[in-house]
Amino acid sequence: VQLVESGGGLVRAGESLRLSCAASGTISGYTAMGWYRQAPGNQRELVAGITVGGHTNYGDDVKGRCTISRDNRKNTVTLQMNSLKPEDTAVYYCFLRRLNNNSWGQGTQVTVSS
């Protein structure tokens, strides 16, 4: 499984950012994709996930500010993040769940300045 992330960067508080992830390789039968994030000194935490059926799940810290969407034909997932806060600063990792295992992307840095 290969997961290629794009869209990270440096923004100011209150601005928006869109992350995208494209999956390829042995992914047939995958059940969900999404994003986790990890800030220095913190555990990796869920940002948002979406199943192939369209069911979504969001971390408490981002509910109401983020929207996840997917394109099952292209095997891509997109995370729209609005009203970003300095505490959203982290490395964001795309994941793909298949056969109860998660594959991970290399991560993309999101930095929000105050």
C-alpha atoms as a PDB file:
ATOM      1  CA  VAL A   1       0.000   0.000   0.000  1.00  0.00           C
ATOM      2  CA  GLN A   2       1.291   3.430  -0.923  1.00  0.00           C
ATOM      3  CA  LEU A   3      -0.277   6.572   0.483  1.00  0.00           C
ATOM      4  CA  VAL A   4       0.811   9.894  -0.983  1.00  0.00           C
ATOM      5  CA  GLU A   5      -0.159  12.969   1.018  1.00  0.00           C
ATOM      6  CA  SER A   6      -0.233  16.557  -0.106  1.00  0.00           C
ATOM      7  CA  GLY A   7      -1.447  19.923   1.067  1.00  0.00           C
ATOM      8  CA  GLY A   8       0.384  20.607   4.314  1.00  0.00           C
ATOM      9  CA  GLY A   9       2.056  23.911   5.029  1.00  0.00           C
ATOM     10  CA  LEU A  10       2.217  27.029   7.148  1.00  0.00           C
ATOM     11  CA  VAL A  11      -0.923  29.078   7.717  1.00  0.00           C
ATOM     12  CA  ARG A  12      -2.128  31.689  10.164  1.00  0.00           C
ATOM     13  CA  ALA A  13      -4.723  31.097  12.823  1.00  0.00           C
ATOM     14  CA  GLY A  14      -8.214  31.307  11.381  1.00  0.00           C
ATOM     15  CA  GLU A  15      -7.160  30.267   7.907  1.00  0.00           C
ATOM     16  CA  SER A  16      -8.000  27.069   6.045  1.00  0.00           C
ATOM     17  CA  LEU A  17      -6.031  24.195   4.619  1.00  0.00           C
ATOM     18  CA  ARG A  18      -6.881  21.160   2.524  1.00  0.00           C
ATOM     19  CA  LEU A  19      -5.056  17.867   2.779  1.00  0.00           C
ATOM     20  CA  SER A  20      -5.294  15.136   0.181  1.00  0.00           C
ATOM     21  CA  CYS A  21      -4.190  11.517   0.160  1.00  0.00           C
ATOM     22  CA  ALA A  22      -4.044   9.130  -2.774  1.00  0.00           C
ATOM     23  CA  ALA A  23      -3.837   5.386  -2.218  1.00  0.00           C
ATOM     24  CA  SER A  24      -2.357   2.825  -4.561  1.00  0.00           C
ATOM     25  CA  GLY A  25      -1.023  -0.713  -4.515  1.00  0.00           C
ATOM     26  CA  THR A  26      -2.784  -3.655  -2.884  1.00  0.00           C
ATOM     27  CA  ILE A  27      -5.812  -1.844  -1.533  1.00  0.00           C
ATOM     28  CA  SER A  28      -8.737  -3.896  -2.781  1.00  0.00           C
ATOM     29  CA  GLY A  29     -11.287  -4.451  -0.078  1.00  0.00           C
ATOM     30  CA  TYR A  30     -10.179  -1.523   2.066  1.00  0.00           C
ATOM     31  CA  THR A  31     -12.850  -0.296   4.410  1.00  0.00           C
ATOM     32  CA  ALA A  32     -11.828   3.197   5.462  1.00  0.00           C
ATOM     33  CA  MET A  33      -9.366   6.035   4.972  1.00  0.00           C
ATOM     34  CA  GLY A  34      -8.658   9.148   6.908  1.00  0.00           C
ATOM     35  CA  TRP A  35      -6.220  11.182   8.936  1.00  0.00           C
ATOM     36  CA  TYR A  36      -4.475  11.066  12.270  1.00  0.00           C
ATOM     37  CA  ARG A  37      -2.128  13.685  13.624  1.00  0.00           C
ATOM     38  CA  GLN A  38       0.736  13.788  16.065  1.00  0.00           C
ATOM     39  CA  ALA A  39       2.202  16.832  17.753  1.00  0.00           C
ATOM     40  CA  PRO A  40       5.600  16.710  19.495  1.00  0.00           C
ATOM     41  CA  GLY A  41       5.316  14.928  22.815  1.00  0.00           C
ATOM     42  CA  ASN A  42       1.764  13.800  22.137  1.00  0.00           C
ATOM     43  CA  GLN A  43       0.213  10.533  21.070  1.00  0.00           C
ATOM     44  CA  ARG A  44      -1.145  10.082  17.603  1.00  0.00           C
ATOM     45  CA  GLU A  45      -4.823  11.032  17.581  1.00  0.00           C
ATOM     46  CA  LEU A  46      -7.694  10.682  15.160  1.00  0.00           C
ATOM     47  CA  VAL A  47      -8.577  13.731  13.110  1.00  0.00           C
ATOM     48  CA  ALA A  48     -11.176  12.228  10.796  1.00  0.00           C
ATOM     49  CA  GLY A  49     -12.039   8.994   9.075  1.00  0.00           C
ATOM     50  CA  ILE A  50     -14.478   7.942   6.398  1.00  0.00           C
ATOM     51  CA  THR A  51     -15.628   4.486   5.358  1.00  0.00           C
ATOM     52  CA  VAL A  52     -16.167   3.392   1.792  1.00  0.00           C
ATOM     53  CA  GLY A  53     -19.868   3.619   2.595  1.00  0.00           C
ATOM     54  CA  GLY A  54     -19.500   7.268   3.531  1.00  0.00           C
ATOM     55  CA  HIS A  55     -19.747   7.043   7.319  1.00  0.00           C
ATOM     56  CA  THR A  56     -17.586   9.722   8.929  1.00  0.00           C
ATOM     57  CA  ASN A  57     -15.950  10.043  12.315  1.00  0.00           C
ATOM     58  CA  TYR A  58     -14.187  13.119  13.708  1.00  0.00           C
ATOM     59  CA  GLY A  59     -11.914  13.781  16.631  1.00  0.00           C
ATOM     60  CA  ASP A  60     -13.471  15.946  19.321  1.00  0.00           C
ATOM     61  CA  ASP A  61     -10.927  18.738  18.800  1.00  0.00           C
ATOM     62  CA  VAL A  62     -11.839  19.252  15.150  1.00  0.00           C
ATOM     63  CA  LYS A  63     -15.585  18.637  15.077  1.00  0.00           C
ATOM     64  CA  GLY A  64     -17.325  21.484  13.311  1.00  0.00           C
ATOM     65  CA  ARG A  65     -14.100  22.732  11.741  1.00  0.00           C
ATOM     66  CA  CYS A  66     -13.145  19.861   9.477  1.00  0.00           C
ATOM     67  CA  THR A  67     -14.841  17.968   6.684  1.00  0.00           C
ATOM     68  CA  ILE A  68     -13.591  14.711   5.229  1.00  0.00           C
ATOM     69  CA  SER A  69     -14.619  13.410   1.827  1.00  0.00           C
ATOM     70  CA  ARG A  70     -13.578  10.551  -0.423  1.00  0.00           C
ATOM     71  CA  ASP A  71     -13.560   9.452  -4.022  1.00  0.00           C
ATOM     72  CA  ASN A  72     -13.832   5.686  -4.082  1.00  0.00           C
ATOM     73  CA  ARG A  73     -13.060   5.499  -7.791  1.00  0.00           C
ATOM     74  CA  LYS A  74      -9.816   7.427  -7.405  1.00  0.00           C
ATOM     75  CA  ASN A  75      -9.022   5.992  -3.974  1.00  0.00           C
ATOM     76  CA  THR A  76      -8.459   9.443  -2.570  1.00  0.00           C
ATOM     77  CA  VAL A  77      -9.488  11.155   0.617  1.00  0.00           C
ATOM     78  CA  THR A  78      -9.549  14.893   1.273  1.00  0.00           C
ATOM     79  CA  LEU A  79      -9.614  16.759   4.566  1.00  0.00           C
ATOM     80  CA  GLN A  80     -10.824  20.349   4.545  1.00  0.00           C
ATOM     81  CA  MET A  81      -9.734  22.164   7.700  1.00  0.00           C
ATOM     82  CA  ASN A  82     -11.180  25.561   8.577  1.00  0.00           C
ATOM     83  CA  SER A  83     -10.672  28.013  11.410  1.00  0.00           C
ATOM     84  CA  LEU A  84      -7.289  26.530  12.146  1.00  0.00           C
ATOM     85  CA  LYS A  85      -5.742  27.072  15.567  1.00  0.00           C
ATOM     86  CA  PRO A  86      -2.119  26.978  16.721  1.00  0.00           C
ATOM     87  CA  GLU A  87      -2.954  23.774  18.608  1.00  0.00           C
ATOM     88  CA  ASP A  88      -3.722  22.111  15.272  1.00  0.00           C
ATOM     89  CA  THR A  89      -0.003  22.203  14.545  1.00  0.00           C
ATOM     90  CA  ALA A  90       1.158  18.635  14.009  1.00  0.00           C
ATOM     91  CA  VAL A  91       2.281  16.093  11.471  1.00  0.00           C
ATOM     92  CA  TYR A  92      -0.804  14.736   9.748  1.00  0.00           C
ATOM     93  CA  TYR A  93      -0.765  11.104   8.650  1.00  0.00           C
ATOM     94  CA  CYS A  94      -3.074   9.542   6.122  1.00  0.00           C
ATOM     95  CA  PHE A  95      -4.233   6.026   6.903  1.00  0.00           C
ATOM     96  CA  LEU A  96      -5.961   3.253   5.010  1.00  0.00           C
ATOM     97  CA  ARG A  97      -7.677   0.430   6.862  1.00  0.00           C
ATOM     98  CA  ARG A  98      -7.748  -2.990   5.249  1.00  0.00           C
ATOM     99  CA  LEU A  99      -8.246  -6.375   6.881  1.00  0.00           C
ATOM    100  CA  ASN A 100      -8.254  -4.671  10.288  1.00  0.00           C
ATOM    101  CA  ASN A 101      -4.787  -3.229   9.707  1.00  0.00           C
ATOM    102  CA  ASN A 102      -3.829   0.377   9.099  1.00  0.00           C
ATOM    103  CA  SER A 103      -1.285   1.465   6.519  1.00  0.00           C
ATOM    104  CA  TRP A 104       0.237   4.891   6.951  1.00  0.00           C
ATOM    105  CA  GLY A 105       1.552   7.684   4.808  1.00  0.00           C
ATOM    106  CA  GLN A 106       4.819   9.442   5.561  1.00  0.00           C
ATOM    107  CA  GLY A 107       3.064  12.442   7.032  1.00  0.00           C
ATOM    108  CA  THR A 108       2.701  16.075   6.093  1.00  0.00           C
ATOM    109  CA  GLN A 109       3.478  18.972   8.401  1.00  0.00           C
ATOM    110  CA  VAL A 110       0.773  21.469   9.254  1.00  0.00           C
ATOM    111  CA  THR A 111       1.899  24.546  11.161  1.00  0.00           C
ATOM    112  CA  VAL A 112      -0.534  27.189  12.356  1.00  0.00           C
ATOM    113  CA  SER A 113       0.936  30.466  13.571  1.00  0.00           C
ATOM    114  CA  SER A 114      -0.850  32.703  16.043  1.00  0.00           C
END
